[in-house]
Amino acid sequence: MGDRDTTGDGLLGGFQEFVGHRGPVEHFGRQLTLSIGEVTGAPSPGWLGPHPGK
């Protein structure tokens, strides 16, 4: 586990680093969407969605 931050925040030690790299990941996702398009088709079974009661 080596360099894991154990200063009391538990598993959140690398969260700031993760968030710091999110911009390039979001950019890559937008590039994929432009290249191959939006996801289409029926939702996966078992996923209730944002409004499960409707």
C-alpha atoms as a PDB file:
ATOM      1  CA  MET A   1       0.000   0.000   0.000  1.00  0.00           C
ATOM      2  CA  GLY A   2       3.079   2.164   0.396  1.00  0.00           C
ATOM      3  CA  ASP A   3       2.275   5.848   0.064  1.00  0.00           C
ATOM      4  CA  ARG A   4      -1.373   5.779   1.113  1.00  0.00           C
ATOM      5  CA  ASP A   5      -2.347   8.782   3.212  1.00  0.00           C
ATOM      6  CA  THR A   6      -3.309   7.595   6.692  1.00  0.00           C
ATOM      7  CA  THR A   7      -3.754  10.953   8.411  1.00  0.00           C
ATOM      8  CA  GLY A   8      -7.306  10.231   9.541  1.00  0.00           C
ATOM      9  CA  ASP A   9      -9.246  10.570   6.295  1.00  0.00           C
ATOM     10  CA  GLY A  10      -9.235   6.833   5.630  1.00  0.00           C
ATOM     11  CA  LEU A  11      -9.608   5.898   1.994  1.00  0.00           C
ATOM     12  CA  LEU A  12     -10.100   9.506   0.873  1.00  0.00           C
ATOM     13  CA  GLY A  13      -6.347  10.167   0.865  1.00  0.00           C
ATOM     14  CA  GLY A  14      -6.098  10.111  -2.943  1.00  0.00           C
ATOM     15  CA  PHE A  15      -9.377  11.905  -3.618  1.00  0.00           C
ATOM     16  CA  GLN A  16      -7.839  15.309  -4.334  1.00  0.00           C
ATOM     17  CA  GLU A  17      -5.419  13.743  -6.805  1.00  0.00           C
ATOM     18  CA  PHE A  18      -8.289  11.864  -8.477  1.00  0.00           C
ATOM     19  CA  VAL A  19     -10.374  15.016  -8.811  1.00  0.00           C
ATOM     20  CA  GLY A  20      -7.342  16.867 -10.150  1.00  0.00           C
ATOM     21  CA  HIS A  21      -7.172  14.466 -13.112  1.00  0.00           C
ATOM     22  CA  ARG A  22     -10.875  14.495 -13.862  1.00  0.00           C
ATOM     23  CA  GLY A  23     -10.691  17.260 -16.491  1.00  0.00           C
ATOM     24  CA  PRO A  24      -8.731  15.189 -19.022  1.00  0.00           C
ATOM     25  CA  VAL A  25     -11.019  12.209 -18.401  1.00  0.00           C
ATOM     26  CA  GLU A  26     -14.117  14.329 -19.069  1.00  0.00           C
ATOM     27  CA  HIS A  27     -12.498  15.694 -22.248  1.00  0.00           C
ATOM     28  CA  PHE A  28     -11.771  12.140 -23.439  1.00  0.00           C
ATOM     29  CA  GLY A  29     -15.396  11.150 -22.762  1.00  0.00           C
ATOM     30  CA  ARG A  30     -16.646  14.064 -24.847  1.00  0.00           C
ATOM     31  CA  GLN A  31     -14.304  13.070 -27.679  1.00  0.00           C
ATOM     32  CA  LEU A  32     -15.685   9.522 -27.593  1.00  0.00           C
ATOM     33  CA  THR A  33     -19.241  10.823 -27.696  1.00  0.00           C
ATOM     34  CA  LEU A  34     -18.417  12.962 -30.724  1.00  0.00           C
ATOM     35  CA  SER A  35     -16.713  10.024 -32.456  1.00  0.00           C
ATOM     36  CA  ILE A  36     -19.194   7.216 -31.803  1.00  0.00           C
ATOM     37  CA  GLY A  37     -22.342   9.048 -30.696  1.00  0.00           C
ATOM     38  CA  GLU A  38     -24.615   8.845 -27.687  1.00  0.00           C
ATOM     39  CA  VAL A  39     -25.618   5.551 -26.108  1.00  0.00           C
ATOM     40  CA  THR A  40     -28.814   4.132 -27.565  1.00  0.00           C
ATOM     41  CA  GLY A  41     -31.028   1.183 -26.754  1.00  0.00           C
ATOM     42  CA  ALA A  42     -33.034  -0.067 -23.845  1.00  0.00           C
ATOM     43  CA  PRO A  43     -31.711   0.449 -20.323  1.00  0.00           C
ATOM     44  CA  SER A  44     -29.890  -2.413 -18.645  1.00  0.00           C
ATOM     45  CA  PRO A  45     -32.110  -4.720 -16.558  1.00  0.00           C
ATOM     46  CA  GLY A  46     -31.951  -4.002 -12.867  1.00  0.00           C
ATOM     47  CA  TRP A  47     -31.148  -0.294 -13.204  1.00  0.00           C
ATOM     48  CA  LEU A  48     -34.037   1.749 -11.845  1.00  0.00           C
ATOM     49  CA  GLY A  49     -32.920   5.076 -13.304  1.00  0.00           C
ATOM     50  CA  PRO A  50     -33.219   8.559 -11.841  1.00  0.00           C
ATOM     51  CA  HIS A  51     -36.999   8.252 -11.255  1.00  0.00           C
ATOM     52  CA  PRO A  52     -37.672   4.612 -10.284  1.00  0.00           C
ATOM     53  CA  GLY A  53     -41.310   5.221  -9.333  1.00  0.00           C
ATOM     54  CA  LYS A  54     -42.360   6.440 -12.779  1.00  0.00           C
END
